[in-house]
Amino acid sequence: MGNRELGRIGEQAAAELLQMEGYEILERNYRCQAGEIDLIAARGSEVSFVEVKTRRNDHYGRPCEAVGAQKIYHIRRTAVHYLQEQEMFYDDVRFHVVEVTLEQIRDAF
């Protein structure tokens, strides 16, 4: 399985998790000149911009540790662009990171 397929699996899992928590998925892989956001979801008067990090295991640390200052900067700029483009107003704007780790534990018991 390649990294793109791994990423798609992780984004689908994250979208399903958010939907189970009552979110509506507004956008997947939203792109503009400022950057890219994996998922944009809304629940009530709240909009959430979601970065999904998927890894095969945690040998190189937790997936969320890959979200550094530069990525946060681009996500925030992209979120502002999205809200202005859509002319939307939400009472609460949030930023989430969803970690997905696909790790098989062989001979676990």
N, C-alpha and C. Protein backbone atom coordinates (compact mmCIF):
# COMPACT_ATOMS: atom_id res chain seq x y z
N MET A 1 0.85 -1.18 0.00
CA MET A 1 0.00 0.00 0.00
C MET A 1 0.89 1.24 0.00
N GLY A 2 0.63 2.14 -0.93
CA GLY A 2 1.39 3.37 -1.04
C GLY A 2 0.91 4.44 -0.06
N ASN A 3 1.68 5.53 0.02
CA ASN A 3 1.33 6.60 0.95
C ASN A 3 0.02 7.29 0.60
N ARG A 4 -0.27 7.44 -0.69
CA ARG A 4 -1.55 8.08 -1.07
C ARG A 4 -2.73 7.25 -0.62
N GLU A 5 -2.65 5.95 -0.86
CA GLU A 5 -3.75 5.07 -0.44
C GLU A 5 -3.87 5.07 1.08
N LEU A 6 -2.75 5.04 1.76
CA LEU A 6 -2.76 5.10 3.23
C LEU A 6 -3.43 6.39 3.69
N GLY A 7 -3.10 7.49 3.05
CA GLY A 7 -3.72 8.77 3.40
C GLY A 7 -5.22 8.78 3.16
N ARG A 8 -5.65 8.21 2.04
CA ARG A 8 -7.10 8.14 1.75
C ARG A 8 -7.83 7.29 2.79
N ILE A 9 -7.22 6.19 3.19
CA ILE A 9 -7.83 5.34 4.21
C ILE A 9 -7.95 6.11 5.53
N GLY A 10 -6.91 6.82 5.90
CA GLY A 10 -6.94 7.61 7.12
C GLY A 10 -7.97 8.72 7.08
N GLU A 11 -8.07 9.41 5.95
CA GLU A 11 -9.06 10.49 5.83
C GLU A 11 -10.49 9.94 5.89
N GLN A 12 -10.71 8.79 5.29
CA GLN A 12 -12.04 8.17 5.36
C GLN A 12 -12.37 7.78 6.80
N ALA A 13 -11.41 7.20 7.51
CA ALA A 13 -11.63 6.83 8.91
C ALA A 13 -11.91 8.06 9.76
N ALA A 14 -11.17 9.14 9.52
CA ALA A 14 -11.38 10.39 10.27
C ALA A 14 -12.75 10.97 9.98
N ALA A 15 -13.16 10.96 8.72
CA ALA A 15 -14.49 11.48 8.35
C ALA A 15 -15.59 10.66 9.04
N GLU A 16 -15.44 9.36 9.06
CA GLU A 16 -16.44 8.51 9.72
C GLU A 16 -16.49 8.78 11.22
N LEU A 17 -15.34 8.99 11.84
CA LEU A 17 -15.29 9.32 13.26
C LEU A 17 -16.03 10.63 13.53
N LEU A 18 -15.73 11.64 12.74
CA LEU A 18 -16.40 12.93 12.91
C LEU A 18 -17.90 12.81 12.71
N GLN A 19 -18.33 12.06 11.72
CA GLN A 19 -19.76 11.88 11.49
C GLN A 19 -20.42 11.17 12.66
N MET A 20 -19.74 10.21 13.25
CA MET A 20 -20.29 9.53 14.44
C MET A 20 -20.44 10.50 15.60
N GLU A 21 -19.61 11.54 15.61
CA GLU A 21 -19.68 12.56 16.67
C GLU A 21 -20.66 13.69 16.32
N GLY A 22 -21.39 13.54 15.22
CA GLY A 22 -22.42 14.51 14.86
C GLY A 22 -22.00 15.60 13.90
N TYR A 23 -20.82 15.50 13.32
CA TYR A 23 -20.35 16.49 12.35
C TYR A 23 -20.86 16.16 10.95
N GLU A 24 -21.06 17.20 10.17
CA GLU A 24 -21.34 17.06 8.75
C GLU A 24 -20.04 17.42 8.02
N ILE A 25 -19.63 16.57 7.11
CA ILE A 25 -18.41 16.85 6.35
C ILE A 25 -18.78 17.82 5.22
N LEU A 26 -18.20 19.01 5.25
CA LEU A 26 -18.47 20.03 4.25
C LEU A 26 -17.54 19.91 3.05
N GLU A 27 -16.28 19.61 3.31
CA GLU A 27 -15.26 19.53 2.26
C GLU A 27 -14.25 18.45 2.60
N ARG A 28 -13.73 17.84 1.55
CA ARG A 28 -12.60 16.93 1.67
C ARG A 28 -11.49 17.45 0.76
N ASN A 29 -10.30 17.51 1.29
CA ASN A 29 -9.13 17.97 0.52
C ASN A 29 -9.36 19.33 -0.14
N TYR A 30 -9.79 20.27 0.66
CA TYR A 30 -10.00 21.64 0.17
C TYR A 30 -8.64 22.27 -0.12
N ARG A 31 -8.50 22.84 -1.30
CA ARG A 31 -7.24 23.46 -1.71
C ARG A 31 -7.47 24.88 -2.22
N CYS A 32 -6.52 25.74 -1.92
CA CYS A 32 -6.48 27.09 -2.48
C CYS A 32 -5.01 27.50 -2.50
N GLN A 33 -4.74 28.74 -2.91
CA GLN A 33 -3.34 29.17 -3.01
C GLN A 33 -2.65 29.19 -1.65
N ALA A 34 -3.39 29.26 -0.56
CA ALA A 34 -2.80 29.31 0.78
C ALA A 34 -2.38 27.94 1.30
N GLY A 35 -2.99 26.89 0.79
CA GLY A 35 -2.66 25.55 1.28
C GLY A 35 -3.79 24.57 1.07
N GLU A 36 -3.78 23.53 1.90
CA GLU A 36 -4.76 22.45 1.78
C GLU A 36 -5.21 22.02 3.17
N ILE A 37 -6.49 21.69 3.27
CA ILE A 37 -7.07 21.17 4.52
C ILE A 37 -7.73 19.85 4.18
N ASP A 38 -7.41 18.83 4.98
CA ASP A 38 -7.92 17.49 4.69
C ASP A 38 -9.44 17.42 4.79
N LEU A 39 -10.00 17.88 5.90
CA LEU A 39 -11.45 17.82 6.11
C LEU A 39 -11.93 19.13 6.71
N ILE A 40 -13.10 19.57 6.26
CA ILE A 40 -13.78 20.69 6.89
C ILE A 40 -15.13 20.15 7.31
N ALA A 41 -15.43 20.29 8.59
CA ALA A 41 -16.65 19.70 9.14
C ALA A 41 -17.39 20.73 9.98
N ALA A 42 -18.70 20.58 10.05
CA ALA A 42 -19.52 21.50 10.85
C ALA A 42 -20.46 20.72 11.76
N ARG A 43 -20.69 21.31 12.91
CA ARG A 43 -21.66 20.76 13.87
C ARG A 43 -22.28 21.96 14.57
N GLY A 44 -23.57 22.16 14.31
CA GLY A 44 -24.24 23.33 14.87
C GLY A 44 -23.59 24.60 14.36
N SER A 45 -23.22 25.49 15.27
CA SER A 45 -22.59 26.76 14.89
C SER A 45 -21.06 26.67 14.92
N GLU A 46 -20.54 25.46 14.92
CA GLU A 46 -19.09 25.23 14.98
C GLU A 46 -18.59 24.69 13.64
N VAL A 47 -17.47 25.23 13.18
CA VAL A 47 -16.80 24.68 12.00
C VAL A 47 -15.41 24.23 12.45
N SER A 48 -15.01 23.07 11.95
CA SER A 48 -13.72 22.51 12.33
C SER A 48 -12.89 22.24 11.08
N PHE A 49 -11.64 22.66 11.15
CA PHE A 49 -10.68 22.40 10.09
C PHE A 49 -9.78 21.29 10.61
N VAL A 50 -9.74 20.19 9.86
CA VAL A 50 -9.15 18.96 10.37
C VAL A 50 -7.96 18.53 9.53
N GLU A 51 -6.84 18.35 10.18
CA GLU A 51 -5.65 17.77 9.57
C GLU A 51 -5.62 16.30 9.99
N VAL A 52 -5.52 15.41 9.01
CA VAL A 52 -5.48 13.98 9.28
C VAL A 52 -4.06 13.48 9.04
N LYS A 53 -3.51 12.81 10.02
CA LYS A 53 -2.18 12.23 9.92
C LYS A 53 -2.30 10.72 10.10
N THR A 54 -1.91 10.00 9.07
CA THR A 54 -2.02 8.54 9.09
C THR A 54 -0.62 7.95 8.99
N ARG A 55 -0.36 6.97 9.81
CA ARG A 55 0.92 6.28 9.81
C ARG A 55 0.69 4.77 9.91
N ARG A 56 1.67 4.04 9.45
CA ARG A 56 1.61 2.57 9.56
C ARG A 56 1.91 2.11 10.98
N ASN A 57 2.71 2.89 11.69
CA ASN A 57 3.07 2.57 13.07
C ASN A 57 3.60 3.85 13.71
N ASP A 58 4.01 3.74 14.95
CA ASP A 58 4.50 4.93 15.63
C ASP A 58 6.02 4.90 15.84
N HIS A 59 6.74 4.22 14.97
CA HIS A 59 8.19 4.13 15.10
C HIS A 59 8.88 5.48 15.03
N TYR A 60 8.28 6.43 14.35
CA TYR A 60 8.88 7.76 14.22
C TYR A 60 8.10 8.79 15.03
N GLY A 61 7.40 8.35 16.06
CA GLY A 61 6.63 9.25 16.90
C GLY A 61 5.15 9.22 16.53
N ARG A 62 4.38 9.94 17.30
CA ARG A 62 2.94 10.01 17.05
C ARG A 62 2.68 10.80 15.76
N PRO A 63 1.63 10.45 15.05
CA PRO A 63 1.32 11.16 13.81
C PRO A 63 1.16 12.67 14.00
N CYS A 64 0.55 13.10 15.10
CA CYS A 64 0.32 14.53 15.31
C CYS A 64 1.61 15.32 15.43
N GLU A 65 2.70 14.66 15.76
CA GLU A 65 3.98 15.35 15.89
C GLU A 65 4.50 15.86 14.55
N ALA A 66 3.89 15.39 13.46
CA ALA A 66 4.29 15.84 12.12
C ALA A 66 3.61 17.17 11.75
N VAL A 67 2.77 17.69 12.61
CA VAL A 67 2.10 18.97 12.35
C VAL A 67 2.89 20.06 13.07
N GLY A 68 3.77 20.69 12.31
CA GLY A 68 4.63 21.72 12.87
C GLY A 68 4.09 23.12 12.64
N ALA A 69 4.90 24.09 13.02
CA ALA A 69 4.50 25.50 12.93
C ALA A 69 4.15 25.91 11.50
N GLN A 70 4.93 25.46 10.53
CA GLN A 70 4.68 25.81 9.13
C GLN A 70 3.33 25.27 8.66
N LYS A 71 3.02 24.02 9.02
CA LYS A 71 1.74 23.42 8.62
C LYS A 71 0.58 24.15 9.29
N ILE A 72 0.74 24.48 10.55
CA ILE A 72 -0.31 25.21 11.28
C ILE A 72 -0.57 26.56 10.62
N TYR A 73 0.49 27.24 10.24
CA TYR A 73 0.37 28.53 9.56
C TYR A 73 -0.45 28.39 8.28
N HIS A 74 -0.13 27.38 7.48
CA HIS A 74 -0.86 27.18 6.22
C HIS A 74 -2.31 26.76 6.44
N ILE A 75 -2.56 25.95 7.44
CA ILE A 75 -3.93 25.55 7.74
C ILE A 75 -4.76 26.77 8.14
N ARG A 76 -4.20 27.61 8.99
CA ARG A 76 -4.94 28.81 9.42
C ARG A 76 -5.22 29.74 8.25
N ARG A 77 -4.23 29.97 7.40
CA ARG A 77 -4.44 30.83 6.22
C ARG A 77 -5.49 30.23 5.29
N THR A 78 -5.45 28.93 5.11
CA THR A 78 -6.41 28.26 4.24
C THR A 78 -7.81 28.33 4.83
N ALA A 79 -7.91 28.20 6.14
CA ALA A 79 -9.22 28.30 6.81
C ALA A 79 -9.82 29.69 6.61
N VAL A 80 -9.01 30.72 6.76
CA VAL A 80 -9.50 32.10 6.54
C VAL A 80 -9.98 32.25 5.11
N HIS A 81 -9.22 31.75 4.17
CA HIS A 81 -9.61 31.82 2.76
C HIS A 81 -10.94 31.10 2.54
N TYR A 82 -11.09 29.92 3.09
CA TYR A 82 -12.32 29.15 2.93
C TYR A 82 -13.52 29.93 3.47
N LEU A 83 -13.40 30.45 4.68
CA LEU A 83 -14.52 31.17 5.29
C LEU A 83 -14.88 32.42 4.49
N GLN A 84 -13.88 33.12 3.99
CA GLN A 84 -14.16 34.31 3.17
C GLN A 84 -14.79 33.92 1.84
N GLU A 85 -14.29 32.88 1.23
CA GLU A 85 -14.80 32.41 -0.06
C GLU A 85 -16.26 31.95 0.05
N GLN A 86 -16.55 31.25 1.12
CA GLN A 86 -17.90 30.72 1.31
C GLN A 86 -18.85 31.75 1.93
N GLU A 87 -18.29 32.87 2.37
CA GLU A 87 -19.05 33.91 3.07
C GLU A 87 -19.86 33.30 4.21
N MET A 88 -19.16 32.46 4.97
CA MET A 88 -19.81 31.78 6.09
C MET A 88 -19.38 32.43 7.40
N PHE A 89 -20.26 32.36 8.37
CA PHE A 89 -19.94 32.83 9.70
C PHE A 89 -20.31 31.74 10.69
N TYR A 90 -19.38 31.40 11.54
CA TYR A 90 -19.62 30.41 12.59
C TYR A 90 -19.25 31.05 13.92
N ASP A 91 -19.99 30.70 14.96
CA ASP A 91 -19.69 31.22 16.29
C ASP A 91 -18.38 30.66 16.82
N ASP A 92 -18.04 29.46 16.39
CA ASP A 92 -16.89 28.76 16.94
C ASP A 92 -16.07 28.13 15.81
N VAL A 93 -14.82 28.51 15.68
CA VAL A 93 -13.93 27.94 14.68
C VAL A 93 -12.88 27.13 15.43
N ARG A 94 -12.72 25.87 15.02
CA ARG A 94 -11.78 24.98 15.71
C ARG A 94 -10.84 24.33 14.72
N PHE A 95 -9.71 23.91 15.24
CA PHE A 95 -8.72 23.20 14.45
C PHE A 95 -8.41 21.89 15.15
N HIS A 96 -8.52 20.79 14.42
CA HIS A 96 -8.29 19.46 14.99
C HIS A 96 -7.22 18.72 14.21
N VAL A 97 -6.56 17.83 14.89
CA VAL A 97 -5.70 16.84 14.25
C VAL A 97 -6.27 15.48 14.62
N VAL A 98 -6.52 14.66 13.61
CA VAL A 98 -6.97 13.29 13.85
C VAL A 98 -5.82 12.38 13.47
N GLU A 99 -5.42 11.55 14.42
CA GLU A 99 -4.35 10.58 14.19
C GLU A 99 -4.96 9.23 13.84
N VAL A 100 -4.42 8.62 12.82
CA VAL A 100 -4.83 7.27 12.44
C VAL A 100 -3.55 6.44 12.33
N THR A 101 -3.50 5.35 13.07
CA THR A 101 -2.35 4.45 13.00
C THR A 101 -2.86 3.08 12.60
N LEU A 102 -2.35 2.57 11.50
CA LEU A 102 -2.73 1.24 11.02
C LEU A 102 -1.59 0.29 11.36
N GLU A 103 -1.73 -0.32 12.49
CA GLU A 103 -0.65 -1.19 12.95
C GLU A 103 -1.23 -2.55 13.31
N GLN A 104 -0.62 -3.56 12.76
CA GLN A 104 -1.03 -4.92 13.06
C GLN A 104 -0.11 -5.46 14.15
N ILE A 105 -0.71 -6.04 15.17
CA ILE A 105 0.08 -6.65 16.23
C ILE A 105 0.02 -8.16 16.01
N ARG A 106 1.07 -8.68 15.46
CA ARG A 106 1.11 -10.11 15.12
C ARG A 106 1.30 -10.95 16.37
N ASP A 107 0.63 -12.07 16.38
CA ASP A 107 0.74 -13.01 17.50
C ASP A 107 0.53 -12.32 18.84
N ALA A 108 -0.52 -11.49 18.91
CA ALA A 108 -0.79 -10.70 20.09
C ALA A 108 -1.11 -11.55 21.32
N PHE A 109 -1.69 -12.70 21.11
CA PHE A 109 -1.97 -13.61 22.25
C PHE A 109 -2.07 -15.03 21.78
